[in-house]
Amino acid sequence: MQEEVPNNRKLKVFITGASQGIGLSIATLFADHGHTVIAPPREVLDLSDITSVRDYTSGHPNDFDVLINNAGINPLQGILGIEYEAYLEIFQTNLFSGLELIKWCVPHWQQTRCGHVINISSIWGSVSKPRRLLYGASKSAVNNITKNLALELGEFNVLVNAIAPGFINTELTSLNNTPADLEKIREQIPLRRLAEPVEVARLAYFLGTRNTFITGQTIHIDGGYTCQ
């Protein structure tokens, strides 16, 4: 049975995409509570390159208590503008590399019979918006592998969950939306605001330290946007 992490027990946490936004907030929150956080930069671990991922995992220990697959890319493009190479890049970055990292950690969890996987998904894995075709498809796949791995790894006491953020006040949200767009978005969210990255981080921290029985779930944190 999974137990809550005692306040004096320090975890070893691996997270991707921690240079800014949600990933930075998650990494900071775990570190502020005294946990060891490993967050390799892209120069060290390039998730768009399977060779880089395999080189990294073959050359580093896998003794992590919590794995957080946060990194992702979201190029906005309609179907007529998508090149085949874009299919490969977004699925390699948003899905396949995360699977490789989970596979890397599983032997350690089989021995310790304890572990947490937190996949950062998106509301666009559940609902749709123009020009999010590949991104939404990749995040739908993240939601599905979360369920499948919860079933497969449950016997080893590994809890696998996904967090699906809505509109978060990050650099990427500002990049993909004009100020006028953001104002319209706020009006469409029942809470009438964007979330701050730390609000997602708090959920990730709960799942990695206090969760003992939630697994296989995609938890939306979107201010009620997808309830409509």
Protein backbone atom coordinates (compact mmCIF):
# COMPACT_ATOMS: atom_id res chain seq x y z
CA MET A 1 0.00 0.00 0.00
CA GLN A 2 1.21 3.50 -0.82
CA GLU A 3 1.75 5.74 2.18
CA GLU A 4 1.81 9.51 2.47
CA VAL A 5 5.35 10.83 2.45
CA PRO A 6 6.36 11.84 6.00
CA ASN A 7 7.49 15.45 6.30
CA ASN A 8 11.02 14.33 7.16
CA ARG A 9 11.38 11.95 4.22
CA LYS A 10 12.97 13.51 1.17
CA LEU A 11 12.11 12.30 -2.32
CA LYS A 12 14.14 12.15 -5.48
CA VAL A 13 12.16 13.77 -8.29
CA PHE A 14 12.84 13.79 -12.03
CA ILE A 15 11.07 16.42 -14.14
CA THR A 16 11.31 17.51 -17.77
CA GLY A 17 10.62 20.98 -19.11
CA ALA A 18 11.41 22.80 -15.87
CA SER A 19 13.02 25.93 -17.30
CA GLN A 20 9.83 28.00 -17.20
CA GLY A 21 6.08 28.01 -16.66
CA ILE A 22 4.37 25.04 -15.06
CA GLY A 23 7.51 22.91 -14.98
CA LEU A 24 9.52 25.56 -13.17
CA SER A 25 6.76 26.00 -10.59
CA ILE A 26 6.55 22.26 -9.96
CA ALA A 27 10.32 21.89 -9.63
CA THR A 28 10.50 24.89 -7.30
CA LEU A 29 7.72 23.63 -5.05
CA PHE A 30 9.33 20.21 -4.59
CA ALA A 31 12.75 21.81 -4.01
CA ASP A 32 11.31 24.30 -1.50
CA HIS A 33 10.09 21.33 0.55
CA GLY A 34 13.59 19.88 0.63
CA HIS A 35 13.23 17.22 -2.06
CA THR A 36 15.99 16.53 -4.56
CA VAL A 37 14.93 17.65 -8.03
CA ILE A 38 16.69 16.54 -11.20
CA ALA A 39 15.66 18.68 -14.19
CA PRO A 40 18.08 18.26 -17.11
CA PRO A 41 18.09 21.12 -19.64
CA ARG A 42 17.48 20.49 -23.31
CA GLU A 43 21.22 20.64 -24.02
CA VAL A 44 21.57 17.53 -21.84
CA LEU A 45 18.28 15.76 -22.63
CA ASP A 46 16.62 16.61 -25.93
CA LEU A 47 13.19 15.00 -25.87
CA SER A 48 12.69 15.56 -29.60
CA ASP A 49 15.65 13.24 -30.29
CA ILE A 50 15.24 9.58 -29.34
CA THR A 51 19.01 9.08 -29.45
CA SER A 52 19.48 11.83 -26.86
CA VAL A 53 16.82 10.24 -24.63
CA ARG A 54 18.39 6.79 -24.85
CA ASP A 55 21.89 8.13 -24.29
CA TYR A 56 20.71 9.94 -21.18
CA THR A 57 18.79 7.01 -19.69
CA SER A 58 21.63 4.57 -20.35
CA GLY A 59 24.14 6.86 -18.63
CA HIS A 60 22.27 7.96 -15.50
CA PRO A 61 20.73 6.19 -12.47
CA ASN A 62 16.97 5.69 -12.42
CA ASP A 63 16.38 5.72 -8.67
CA PHE A 64 13.57 8.27 -8.61
CA ASP A 65 10.52 8.30 -6.39
CA VAL A 66 8.57 10.64 -8.66
CA LEU A 67 8.75 11.07 -12.44
CA ILE A 68 7.04 14.12 -13.91
CA ASN A 69 6.70 14.25 -17.69
CA ASN A 70 6.04 17.93 -18.16
CA ALA A 71 7.89 19.05 -21.30
CA GLY A 72 5.86 19.51 -24.46
CA ILE A 73 5.54 21.53 -27.64
CA ASN A 74 2.42 23.09 -29.11
CA PRO A 75 2.92 24.36 -32.66
CA LEU A 76 -0.32 25.88 -33.93
CA GLN A 77 -1.17 24.71 -37.42
CA GLY A 78 -4.16 23.65 -39.51
CA ILE A 79 -4.19 20.36 -41.39
CA LEU A 80 -3.11 21.84 -44.73
CA GLY A 81 -0.01 23.40 -43.21
CA ILE A 82 1.25 20.35 -41.33
CA GLU A 83 4.29 18.57 -42.71
CA TYR A 84 5.03 14.93 -41.93
CA GLU A 85 8.09 15.89 -39.89
CA ALA A 86 5.82 17.83 -37.51
CA TYR A 87 3.90 14.63 -36.74
CA LEU A 88 7.11 12.95 -35.68
CA GLU A 89 8.44 15.86 -33.64
CA ILE A 90 5.34 16.50 -31.57
CA PHE A 91 4.67 12.84 -30.78
CA GLN A 92 8.32 12.19 -30.01
CA THR A 93 8.44 15.18 -27.65
CA ASN A 94 5.00 14.97 -26.05
CA LEU A 95 4.52 11.19 -25.87
CA PHE A 96 7.29 8.81 -26.90
CA SER A 97 10.05 10.37 -24.81
CA GLY A 98 7.85 10.27 -21.73
CA LEU A 99 7.24 6.57 -22.33
CA GLU A 100 10.99 6.00 -22.58
CA LEU A 101 11.52 7.77 -19.26
CA ILE A 102 8.80 5.72 -17.57
CA LYS A 103 10.31 2.52 -18.97
CA TRP A 104 13.68 3.66 -17.60
CA CYS A 105 12.28 4.03 -14.06
CA VAL A 106 10.11 0.91 -13.90
CA PRO A 107 12.88 -1.56 -12.88
CA HIS A 108 13.66 0.59 -9.84
CA TRP A 109 9.99 0.77 -8.87
CA GLN A 110 9.62 -2.97 -9.27
CA GLN A 111 12.30 -3.35 -6.60
CA THR A 112 11.04 -0.66 -4.22
CA ARG A 113 7.37 -1.40 -4.92
CA CYS A 114 6.57 2.26 -4.82
CA GLY A 115 6.56 5.10 -7.34
CA HIS A 116 4.65 8.00 -8.82
CA VAL A 117 4.26 9.07 -12.45
CA ILE A 118 2.70 12.44 -13.19
CA ASN A 119 2.08 13.18 -16.86
CA ILE A 120 1.27 16.78 -17.70
CA SER A 121 -1.48 16.60 -20.29
CA SER A 122 -3.86 19.36 -21.40
CA ILE A 123 -7.55 20.12 -21.71
CA TRP A 124 -6.95 19.87 -25.48
CA GLY A 125 -6.64 16.13 -24.98
CA SER A 126 -10.34 16.12 -24.08
CA VAL A 127 -11.88 19.06 -25.96
CA SER A 128 -10.99 20.69 -29.27
CA LYS A 129 -9.93 24.02 -30.66
CA PRO A 130 -8.83 24.96 -34.18
CA ARG A 131 -5.13 24.53 -35.00
CA ARG A 132 -4.53 22.18 -32.05
CA LEU A 133 -4.82 19.01 -34.14
CA LEU A 134 -1.46 17.39 -33.41
CA TYR A 135 -1.15 18.80 -29.90
CA GLY A 136 -4.60 17.54 -28.96
CA ALA A 137 -3.90 14.14 -30.48
CA SER A 138 -0.65 13.81 -28.55
CA LYS A 139 -2.32 14.78 -25.27
CA SER A 140 -5.22 12.38 -25.88
CA ALA A 141 -2.57 9.69 -26.20
CA VAL A 142 -0.98 10.85 -22.94
CA ASN A 143 -4.35 10.41 -21.21
CA ASN A 144 -4.68 6.91 -22.64
CA ILE A 145 -1.21 5.71 -21.69
CA THR A 146 -1.86 7.05 -18.19
CA LYS A 147 -4.80 4.65 -17.86
CA ASN A 148 -2.93 1.74 -19.39
CA LEU A 149 0.16 2.19 -17.24
CA ALA A 150 -1.95 2.53 -14.10
CA LEU A 151 -3.27 -0.96 -14.83
CA GLU A 152 0.11 -2.41 -15.77
CA LEU A 153 2.11 -0.92 -12.91
CA GLY A 154 -0.50 -1.14 -10.17
CA GLU A 155 0.86 -4.47 -8.93
CA PHE A 156 4.13 -2.69 -8.11
CA ASN A 157 2.35 0.05 -6.15
CA VAL A 158 3.11 2.65 -8.83
CA LEU A 159 0.48 5.37 -9.12
CA VAL A 160 0.15 6.91 -12.59
CA ASN A 161 -1.89 10.06 -13.15
CA ALA A 162 -2.17 12.93 -15.57
CA ILE A 163 -2.85 16.60 -14.93
CA ALA A 164 -4.71 18.43 -17.69
CA PRO A 165 -4.25 22.18 -17.26
CA GLY A 166 -6.52 24.66 -18.96
CA PHE A 167 -5.47 28.22 -19.61
CA ILE A 168 -2.50 28.97 -17.37
CA ASN A 169 -0.74 32.31 -17.06
CA THR A 170 2.49 31.21 -18.74
CA GLU A 171 4.77 32.44 -21.50
CA LEU A 172 3.35 29.84 -23.90
CA THR A 173 -0.23 31.00 -23.32
CA SER A 174 0.77 34.59 -24.01
CA LEU A 175 2.65 33.51 -27.12
CA ASN A 176 -0.32 31.62 -28.57
CA ASN A 177 -2.99 34.22 -27.74
CA THR A 178 -3.32 37.96 -28.26
CA PRO A 179 -4.38 40.20 -25.33
CA ALA A 180 -7.85 40.39 -26.89
CA ASP A 181 -7.94 36.59 -27.14
CA LEU A 182 -6.98 36.28 -23.47
CA GLU A 183 -9.78 38.61 -22.44
CA LYS A 184 -12.30 36.49 -24.35
CA ILE A 185 -10.84 33.36 -22.75
CA ARG A 186 -11.28 34.80 -19.25
CA GLU A 187 -14.94 35.43 -20.03
CA GLN A 188 -15.36 31.76 -21.05
CA ILE A 189 -13.85 30.39 -17.83
CA PRO A 190 -16.41 30.09 -14.99
CA LEU A 191 -13.85 31.45 -12.49
CA ARG A 192 -13.19 34.37 -14.88
CA ARG A 193 -9.40 34.14 -14.71
CA LEU A 194 -6.40 32.15 -15.85
CA ALA A 195 -4.71 29.86 -13.35
CA GLU A 196 -1.26 30.61 -12.04
CA PRO A 197 1.45 27.95 -12.59
CA VAL A 198 1.77 27.37 -8.85
CA GLU A 199 -1.83 26.14 -8.75
CA VAL A 200 -0.88 23.30 -11.07
CA ALA A 201 2.29 22.74 -9.06
CA ARG A 202 0.28 22.27 -5.87
CA LEU A 203 -1.76 19.49 -7.51
CA ALA A 204 1.41 17.81 -8.78
CA TYR A 205 2.92 18.05 -5.31
CA PHE A 206 -0.14 16.41 -3.78
CA LEU A 207 -0.04 13.59 -6.30
CA GLY A 208 3.66 13.01 -5.67
CA THR A 209 3.63 13.17 -1.87
CA ARG A 210 0.15 12.71 -0.40
CA ASN A 211 -1.72 10.59 -2.93
CA THR A 212 -2.12 6.95 -1.87
CA PHE A 213 -5.00 5.57 -3.98
CA ILE A 214 -5.69 7.79 -7.00
CA THR A 215 -4.35 6.21 -10.19
CA GLY A 216 -5.18 6.14 -13.88
CA GLN A 217 -6.89 9.51 -13.73
CA THR A 218 -6.65 12.64 -15.86
CA ILE A 219 -7.41 15.52 -13.52
CA HIS A 220 -8.55 18.73 -15.19
CA ILE A 221 -7.43 21.97 -13.58
CA ASP A 222 -9.15 24.54 -15.75
CA GLY A 223 -11.43 26.73 -13.64
CA GLY A 224 -14.44 24.85 -14.97
CA TYR A 225 -13.74 25.53 -18.68
CA THR A 226 -14.40 21.93 -19.83
CA CYS A 227 -17.63 21.66 -17.82
CA GLN A 228 -19.43 23.73 -20.44
